[in-house]
Amino acid sequence: MRQAIIHPGEDGYYVAECPSLPGCVRQGTTRDEAISNIREAIRAYVAALEEDGLPVPEERFDTLPVG
């Protein structure tokens, strides 16, 4: 399970990024598409690390809504 941050980008797309996996960023025309794309990217990122025999970073982020 990984945390993802989703926010509207300046170009009208939604941007999704996984802070615990550096460079793991995707976008989509809708929020749902961005979520689907980041899920796929996270799976591919972790699979590539494992295939190369590299350590997979642990999830180390916690979110807290602040208002």
C-alpha atoms as a PDB file:
ATOM      1  CA  MET A   1       0.000   0.000   0.000  1.00  0.00           C
ATOM      2  CA  ARG A   2       1.394   3.374  -1.025  1.00  0.00           C
ATOM      3  CA  GLN A   3       0.311   6.945  -0.410  1.00  0.00           C
ATOM      4  CA  ALA A   4      -0.332   9.099  -3.468  1.00  0.00           C
ATOM      5  CA  ILE A   5      -0.843  12.821  -3.721  1.00  0.00           C
ATOM      6  CA  ILE A   6      -3.324  14.007  -6.333  1.00  0.00           C
ATOM      7  CA  HIS A   7      -3.749  17.612  -7.352  1.00  0.00           C
ATOM      8  CA  PRO A   8      -4.918  19.615 -10.351  1.00  0.00           C
ATOM      9  CA  GLY A   9      -2.040  20.629 -12.595  1.00  0.00           C
ATOM     10  CA  GLU A  10      -1.620  23.971 -14.303  1.00  0.00           C
ATOM     11  CA  ASP A  11      -2.430  22.409 -17.690  1.00  0.00           C
ATOM     12  CA  GLY A  12      -5.877  21.162 -16.649  1.00  0.00           C
ATOM     13  CA  TYR A  13      -4.746  17.572 -16.021  1.00  0.00           C
ATOM     14  CA  TYR A  14      -4.730  15.881 -12.636  1.00  0.00           C
ATOM     15  CA  VAL A  15      -1.266  15.014 -11.354  1.00  0.00           C
ATOM     16  CA  ALA A  16      -0.649  11.992  -9.125  1.00  0.00           C
ATOM     17  CA  GLU A  17       2.639  11.272  -7.424  1.00  0.00           C
ATOM     18  CA  CYS A  18       3.937   8.712  -4.967  1.00  0.00           C
ATOM     19  CA  PRO A  19       6.349  10.464  -2.562  1.00  0.00           C
ATOM     20  CA  SER A  20       7.954   7.238  -1.313  1.00  0.00           C
ATOM     21  CA  LEU A  21       8.995   6.293  -4.870  1.00  0.00           C
ATOM     22  CA  PRO A  22      11.084   9.169  -6.244  1.00  0.00           C
ATOM     23  CA  GLY A  23      10.064  10.161  -9.755  1.00  0.00           C
ATOM     24  CA  CYS A  24       6.887   8.072  -9.721  1.00  0.00           C
ATOM     25  CA  VAL A  25       4.477  10.623 -11.182  1.00  0.00           C
ATOM     26  CA  ARG A  26       1.562  10.240 -13.603  1.00  0.00           C
ATOM     27  CA  GLN A  27      -1.307  12.368 -14.777  1.00  0.00           C
ATOM     28  CA  GLY A  28      -4.788  11.971 -16.191  1.00  0.00           C
ATOM     29  CA  THR A  29      -7.541  14.018 -17.729  1.00  0.00           C
ATOM     30  CA  THR A  30      -9.744  13.147 -14.749  1.00  0.00           C
ATOM     31  CA  ARG A  31      -9.018  12.444 -11.099  1.00  0.00           C
ATOM     32  CA  ASP A  32     -10.030   8.791 -11.555  1.00  0.00           C
ATOM     33  CA  GLU A  33      -7.742   8.415 -14.559  1.00  0.00           C
ATOM     34  CA  ALA A  34      -4.831   9.903 -12.603  1.00  0.00           C
ATOM     35  CA  ILE A  35      -5.494   7.451  -9.752  1.00  0.00           C
ATOM     36  CA  SER A  36      -5.601   4.510 -12.147  1.00  0.00           C
ATOM     37  CA  ASN A  37      -2.396   5.675 -13.824  1.00  0.00           C
ATOM     38  CA  ILE A  38      -0.477   6.089 -10.554  1.00  0.00           C
ATOM     39  CA  ARG A  39      -1.581   2.635  -9.374  1.00  0.00           C
ATOM     40  CA  GLU A  40      -0.179   1.149 -12.571  1.00  0.00           C
ATOM     41  CA  ALA A  41       3.010   3.217 -12.256  1.00  0.00           C
ATOM     42  CA  ILE A  42       3.570   2.104  -8.654  1.00  0.00           C
ATOM     43  CA  ARG A  43       3.219  -1.568  -9.630  1.00  0.00           C
ATOM     44  CA  ALA A  44       5.642  -1.135 -12.545  1.00  0.00           C
ATOM     45  CA  TYR A  45       8.132   0.842 -10.435  1.00  0.00           C
ATOM     46  CA  VAL A  46       8.242  -1.795  -7.694  1.00  0.00           C
ATOM     47  CA  ALA A  47       8.436  -4.645 -10.246  1.00  0.00           C
ATOM     48  CA  ALA A  48      11.394  -2.978 -11.991  1.00  0.00           C
ATOM     49  CA  LEU A  49      13.266  -2.552  -8.713  1.00  0.00           C
ATOM     50  CA  GLU A  50      12.647  -6.176  -7.762  1.00  0.00           C
ATOM     51  CA  GLU A  51      13.682  -7.393 -11.222  1.00  0.00           C
ATOM     52  CA  ASP A  52      16.951  -5.477 -10.913  1.00  0.00           C
ATOM     53  CA  GLY A  53      17.553  -6.816  -7.406  1.00  0.00           C
ATOM     54  CA  LEU A  54      17.321  -3.354  -5.887  1.00  0.00           C
ATOM     55  CA  PRO A  55      15.689  -2.552  -2.553  1.00  0.00           C
ATOM     56  CA  VAL A  56      12.129  -1.286  -2.638  1.00  0.00           C
ATOM     57  CA  PRO A  57      11.779   1.845  -0.492  1.00  0.00           C
ATOM     58  CA  GLU A  58       9.430   1.462   2.441  1.00  0.00           C
ATOM     59  CA  GLU A  59       6.346   3.627   2.677  1.00  0.00           C
ATOM     60  CA  ARG A  60       7.453   6.336   5.063  1.00  0.00           C
ATOM     61  CA  PHE A  61       4.874   9.034   4.615  1.00  0.00           C
ATOM     62  CA  ASP A  62       1.822   9.699   6.690  1.00  0.00           C
ATOM     63  CA  THR A  63      -0.836  12.202   5.754  1.00  0.00           C
ATOM     64  CA  LEU A  64      -2.775  14.462   8.040  1.00  0.00           C
ATOM     65  CA  PRO A  65      -5.456  16.831   6.785  1.00  0.00           C
ATOM     66  CA  VAL A  66      -4.863  20.263   8.250  1.00  0.00           C
ATOM     67  CA  GLY A  67      -7.499  22.957   8.055  1.00  0.00           C
END
